[in-house]
């Protein structure tokens, strides 16, 4: 099994969208030279940039960093407290007790 590096995965995703490095850098409000260094592997990717790429491509950061081959980001999990707040937001305290 061949392991794809993050910079290679970014290049693959960019090419799949048929974007040039400049076009992508402009869309992400990033300097083209910075993006070029990231994609070539000459500069490490910062956490905020990793999140920005994941959001742009609608993939998980785990996919970009090769922790998974599944590009689909995990669904947000609703915890019991947020579920309770959502379902009782229009009720009076007396109604909840």
N, C-alpha and C. Protein backbone atom coordinates (compact mmCIF):
# COMPACT_ATOMS: atom_id res chain seq x y z
N UNK A 1 0.83 -1.17 0.00
CA UNK A 1 0.00 0.00 0.00
C UNK A 1 0.88 1.24 0.00
N UNK A 2 0.61 2.15 -0.92
CA UNK A 2 1.36 3.39 -1.01
C UNK A 2 0.74 4.43 -0.09
N UNK A 3 1.58 5.06 0.71
CA UNK A 3 1.10 6.11 1.60
C UNK A 3 1.27 7.45 0.90
N UNK A 4 0.18 8.18 0.81
CA UNK A 4 0.20 9.49 0.17
C UNK A 4 0.46 10.54 1.25
N UNK A 5 1.41 11.41 0.99
CA UNK A 5 1.70 12.49 1.92
C UNK A 5 0.64 13.58 1.80
N UNK A 6 0.51 14.37 2.84
CA UNK A 6 -0.49 15.44 2.86
C UNK A 6 -0.34 16.36 1.66
N UNK A 7 0.88 16.77 1.35
CA UNK A 7 1.08 17.68 0.22
C UNK A 7 0.66 17.03 -1.10
N UNK A 8 0.89 15.72 -1.24
CA UNK A 8 0.46 15.01 -2.46
C UNK A 8 -1.06 14.93 -2.53
N UNK A 9 -1.68 14.72 -1.38
CA UNK A 9 -3.15 14.66 -1.34
C UNK A 9 -3.74 16.01 -1.71
N UNK A 10 -3.14 17.10 -1.22
CA UNK A 10 -3.61 18.44 -1.57
C UNK A 10 -3.50 18.68 -3.08
N UNK A 11 -2.41 18.25 -3.66
CA UNK A 11 -2.23 18.43 -5.11
C UNK A 11 -3.29 17.63 -5.86
N UNK A 12 -3.51 16.41 -5.43
CA UNK A 12 -4.51 15.55 -6.07
C UNK A 12 -5.90 16.18 -6.00
N UNK A 13 -6.27 16.67 -4.84
CA UNK A 13 -7.58 17.31 -4.68
C UNK A 13 -7.70 18.57 -5.53
N UNK A 14 -6.65 19.36 -5.57
CA UNK A 14 -6.65 20.58 -6.38
C UNK A 14 -6.81 20.25 -7.86
N UNK A 15 -6.05 19.26 -8.32
CA UNK A 15 -6.13 18.87 -9.72
C UNK A 15 -7.49 18.27 -10.06
N UNK A 16 -8.10 17.56 -9.13
CA UNK A 16 -9.44 17.01 -9.36
C UNK A 16 -10.47 18.12 -9.58
N UNK A 17 -10.24 19.26 -8.97
CA UNK A 17 -11.13 20.42 -9.14
C UNK A 17 -10.71 21.27 -10.34
N UNK A 18 -9.64 20.83 -11.01
CA UNK A 18 -9.11 21.52 -12.18
C UNK A 18 -8.77 22.98 -11.87
N UNK A 19 -8.09 23.18 -10.76
CA UNK A 19 -7.65 24.50 -10.34
C UNK A 19 -6.14 24.60 -10.44
N UNK A 20 -5.66 25.78 -10.78
CA UNK A 20 -4.22 26.03 -10.71
C UNK A 20 -3.88 26.38 -9.26
N UNK A 21 -2.60 26.37 -8.95
CA UNK A 21 -2.18 26.77 -7.62
C UNK A 21 -2.60 28.21 -7.32
N UNK A 22 -2.47 29.07 -8.32
CA UNK A 22 -2.85 30.48 -8.13
C UNK A 22 -4.34 30.62 -7.89
N UNK A 23 -5.14 29.91 -8.65
CA UNK A 23 -6.60 29.99 -8.47
C UNK A 23 -7.00 29.54 -7.07
N UNK A 24 -6.41 28.43 -6.62
CA UNK A 24 -6.74 27.93 -5.30
C UNK A 24 -6.26 28.90 -4.21
N UNK A 25 -5.05 29.38 -4.36
CA UNK A 25 -4.52 30.34 -3.38
C UNK A 25 -5.41 31.58 -3.30
N UNK A 26 -5.87 32.06 -4.45
CA UNK A 26 -6.77 33.22 -4.46
C UNK A 26 -8.08 32.90 -3.77
N UNK A 27 -8.65 31.73 -4.02
CA UNK A 27 -9.91 31.34 -3.40
C UNK A 27 -9.78 31.26 -1.87
N UNK A 28 -8.61 30.85 -1.41
CA UNK A 28 -8.38 30.68 0.03
C UNK A 28 -7.72 31.90 0.67
N UNK A 29 -7.56 32.98 -0.12
CA UNK A 29 -6.92 34.21 0.37
C UNK A 29 -5.54 33.90 0.95
N UNK A 30 -4.78 33.16 0.17
CA UNK A 30 -3.44 32.72 0.57
C UNK A 30 -2.46 33.15 -0.51
N UNK A 31 -1.27 33.51 -0.13
CA UNK A 31 -0.25 33.86 -1.11
C UNK A 31 0.09 32.62 -1.92
N UNK A 32 0.22 32.78 -3.23
CA UNK A 32 0.49 31.63 -4.09
C UNK A 32 1.81 30.96 -3.75
N UNK A 33 2.80 31.74 -3.38
CA UNK A 33 4.11 31.15 -3.04
C UNK A 33 4.01 30.29 -1.78
N UNK A 34 3.18 30.71 -0.84
CA UNK A 34 2.96 29.92 0.38
C UNK A 34 2.29 28.60 0.00
N UNK A 35 1.24 28.68 -0.82
CA UNK A 35 0.56 27.45 -1.23
C UNK A 35 1.52 26.53 -2.00
N UNK A 36 2.32 27.11 -2.88
CA UNK A 36 3.28 26.32 -3.65
C UNK A 36 4.23 25.56 -2.73
N UNK A 37 4.70 26.22 -1.69
CA UNK A 37 5.63 25.57 -0.74
C UNK A 37 4.93 24.45 0.03
N UNK A 38 3.66 24.67 0.39
CA UNK A 38 2.90 23.64 1.10
C UNK A 38 2.72 22.43 0.19
N UNK A 39 2.27 22.68 -1.03
CA UNK A 39 1.99 21.57 -1.95
C UNK A 39 3.25 20.82 -2.37
N UNK A 40 4.36 21.52 -2.44
CA UNK A 40 5.62 20.87 -2.83
C UNK A 40 6.28 20.15 -1.65
N UNK A 41 5.77 20.39 -0.44
CA UNK A 41 6.33 19.76 0.74
C UNK A 41 7.50 20.52 1.33
N UNK A 42 7.78 21.72 0.81
CA UNK A 42 8.91 22.51 1.29
C UNK A 42 8.58 23.25 2.58
N UNK A 43 7.29 23.36 2.89
CA UNK A 43 6.87 24.06 4.11
C UNK A 43 5.79 23.24 4.79
N UNK A 44 5.91 23.04 6.10
CA UNK A 44 4.86 22.28 6.79
C UNK A 44 3.54 23.05 6.80
N UNK A 45 2.48 22.31 6.81
CA UNK A 45 1.15 22.91 6.84
C UNK A 45 0.77 23.22 8.28
N UNK A 46 0.23 24.40 8.50
CA UNK A 46 -0.20 24.80 9.84
C UNK A 46 -1.61 24.25 10.10
N UNK A 47 -1.94 24.14 11.36
CA UNK A 47 -3.25 23.59 11.74
C UNK A 47 -4.40 24.37 11.12
N UNK A 48 -4.33 25.70 11.18
CA UNK A 48 -5.42 26.50 10.62
C UNK A 48 -5.53 26.33 9.11
N UNK A 49 -4.41 26.11 8.44
CA UNK A 49 -4.43 25.87 7.00
C UNK A 49 -5.02 24.49 6.69
N UNK A 50 -4.68 23.52 7.50
CA UNK A 50 -5.22 22.17 7.32
C UNK A 50 -6.74 22.20 7.42
N UNK A 51 -7.24 22.92 8.39
CA UNK A 51 -8.70 23.05 8.56
C UNK A 51 -9.31 23.78 7.38
N UNK A 52 -8.63 24.81 6.92
CA UNK A 52 -9.11 25.58 5.77
C UNK A 52 -9.21 24.69 4.53
N UNK A 53 -8.20 23.86 4.29
CA UNK A 53 -8.23 22.95 3.14
C UNK A 53 -9.34 21.91 3.29
N UNK A 54 -9.46 21.36 4.49
CA UNK A 54 -10.50 20.36 4.74
C UNK A 54 -11.89 20.95 4.48
N UNK A 55 -12.11 22.16 4.96
CA UNK A 55 -13.40 22.82 4.73
C UNK A 55 -13.63 23.09 3.24
N UNK A 56 -12.60 23.57 2.57
CA UNK A 56 -12.73 23.88 1.14
C UNK A 56 -13.08 22.64 0.32
N UNK A 57 -12.38 21.55 0.59
CA UNK A 57 -12.60 20.31 -0.18
C UNK A 57 -13.71 19.43 0.40
N UNK A 58 -14.24 19.84 1.55
CA UNK A 58 -15.28 19.06 2.24
C UNK A 58 -14.80 17.63 2.54
N UNK A 59 -13.61 17.57 3.09
CA UNK A 59 -13.02 16.30 3.52
C UNK A 59 -12.58 16.46 4.97
N UNK A 60 -12.26 15.37 5.61
CA UNK A 60 -11.80 15.44 6.99
C UNK A 60 -10.30 15.76 7.03
N UNK A 61 -9.87 16.34 8.15
CA UNK A 61 -8.44 16.57 8.33
C UNK A 61 -7.71 15.23 8.44
N UNK A 62 -8.40 14.22 8.94
CA UNK A 62 -7.81 12.88 9.02
C UNK A 62 -7.51 12.35 7.62
N UNK A 63 -8.35 12.66 6.67
CA UNK A 63 -8.11 12.24 5.29
C UNK A 63 -6.90 12.98 4.72
N UNK A 64 -6.82 14.28 4.98
CA UNK A 64 -5.69 15.05 4.47
C UNK A 64 -4.36 14.59 5.06
N UNK A 65 -4.39 14.13 6.30
CA UNK A 65 -3.15 13.70 6.96
C UNK A 65 -2.96 12.19 6.90
N UNK A 66 -3.76 11.54 6.10
CA UNK A 66 -3.62 10.09 5.85
C UNK A 66 -3.86 9.21 7.06
N UNK A 67 -4.70 9.68 7.96
CA UNK A 67 -5.10 8.83 9.08
C UNK A 67 -6.27 7.93 8.68
N UNK A 68 -6.87 8.26 7.52
CA UNK A 68 -7.94 7.46 6.96
C UNK A 68 -7.95 7.64 5.45
N UNK A 69 -8.50 6.66 4.77
CA UNK A 69 -8.68 6.78 3.32
C UNK A 69 -10.09 7.22 2.98
N UNK A 70 -10.91 7.42 4.01
CA UNK A 70 -12.28 7.87 3.82
C UNK A 70 -12.30 9.40 3.86
N UNK A 71 -12.60 10.05 2.72
CA UNK A 71 -12.55 11.51 2.71
C UNK A 71 -13.74 12.18 3.40
N UNK A 72 -14.80 11.44 3.65
CA UNK A 72 -16.01 12.04 4.20
C UNK A 72 -15.80 12.42 5.66
N UNK A 73 -16.03 13.70 5.98
CA UNK A 73 -15.87 14.11 7.38
C UNK A 73 -16.92 13.44 8.26
N UNK A 74 -16.56 13.12 9.49
CA UNK A 74 -17.55 12.50 10.38
C UNK A 74 -18.68 13.48 10.67
N UNK A 75 -19.87 12.94 10.87
CA UNK A 75 -21.02 13.79 11.19
C UNK A 75 -20.86 14.32 12.61
N UNK A 76 -21.42 15.51 12.80
CA UNK A 76 -21.40 16.07 14.15
C UNK A 76 -22.26 15.23 15.05
N UNK A 77 -21.74 14.95 16.21
CA UNK A 77 -22.50 14.18 17.17
C UNK A 77 -23.22 15.14 18.11
N UNK A 78 -24.45 14.85 18.40
CA UNK A 78 -25.23 15.66 19.32
C UNK A 78 -25.18 15.00 20.68
N UNK A 79 -24.72 15.75 21.66
CA UNK A 79 -24.71 15.16 23.00
C UNK A 79 -26.06 15.37 23.66
N UNK A 80 -26.28 14.72 24.75
CA UNK A 80 -27.57 14.73 25.42
C UNK A 80 -27.95 16.13 25.91
N UNK A 81 -26.96 16.92 26.34
CA UNK A 81 -27.26 18.26 26.84
C UNK A 81 -27.76 19.15 25.70
N UNK A 82 -27.06 19.15 24.57
CA UNK A 82 -27.52 19.99 23.47
C UNK A 82 -28.86 19.51 22.94
N UNK A 83 -29.11 18.22 22.97
CA UNK A 83 -30.40 17.68 22.55
C UNK A 83 -31.49 18.17 23.50
N UNK A 84 -31.21 18.14 24.79
CA UNK A 84 -32.17 18.60 25.80
C UNK A 84 -32.46 20.09 25.61
N UNK A 85 -31.41 20.88 25.41
CA UNK A 85 -31.59 22.33 25.23
C UNK A 85 -32.41 22.62 23.98
N UNK A 86 -32.14 21.91 22.92
CA UNK A 86 -32.85 22.11 21.67
C UNK A 86 -34.33 21.81 21.83
N UNK A 87 -34.65 20.74 22.52
CA UNK A 87 -36.03 20.31 22.64
C UNK A 87 -36.80 20.99 23.76
N UNK A 88 -36.12 21.79 24.57
CA UNK A 88 -36.81 22.48 25.67
C UNK A 88 -36.64 23.99 25.59
N UNK A 89 -36.08 24.49 24.52
CA UNK A 89 -35.76 25.92 24.43
C UNK A 89 -36.98 26.82 24.50
N UNK A 90 -38.14 26.34 24.07
CA UNK A 90 -39.33 27.18 24.09
C UNK A 90 -40.24 26.90 25.31
N UNK A 91 -39.74 26.17 26.27
CA UNK A 91 -40.54 25.81 27.45
C UNK A 91 -40.16 26.69 28.64
N UNK A 92 -41.09 26.86 29.55
CA UNK A 92 -40.82 27.54 30.80
C UNK A 92 -40.19 26.55 31.76
N UNK A 93 -39.46 27.07 32.75
CA UNK A 93 -38.80 26.20 33.74
C UNK A 93 -39.81 25.31 34.44
N UNK A 94 -40.98 25.85 34.73
CA UNK A 94 -42.02 25.07 35.41
C UNK A 94 -42.44 23.86 34.56
N UNK A 95 -42.43 24.03 33.24
CA UNK A 95 -42.81 22.94 32.34
C UNK A 95 -41.76 21.83 32.32
N UNK A 96 -40.53 22.19 32.53
CA UNK A 96 -39.43 21.21 32.47
C UNK A 96 -39.39 20.38 33.74
N UNK A 97 -39.62 21.02 34.87
CA UNK A 97 -39.56 20.30 36.16
C UNK A 97 -40.70 19.39 36.24
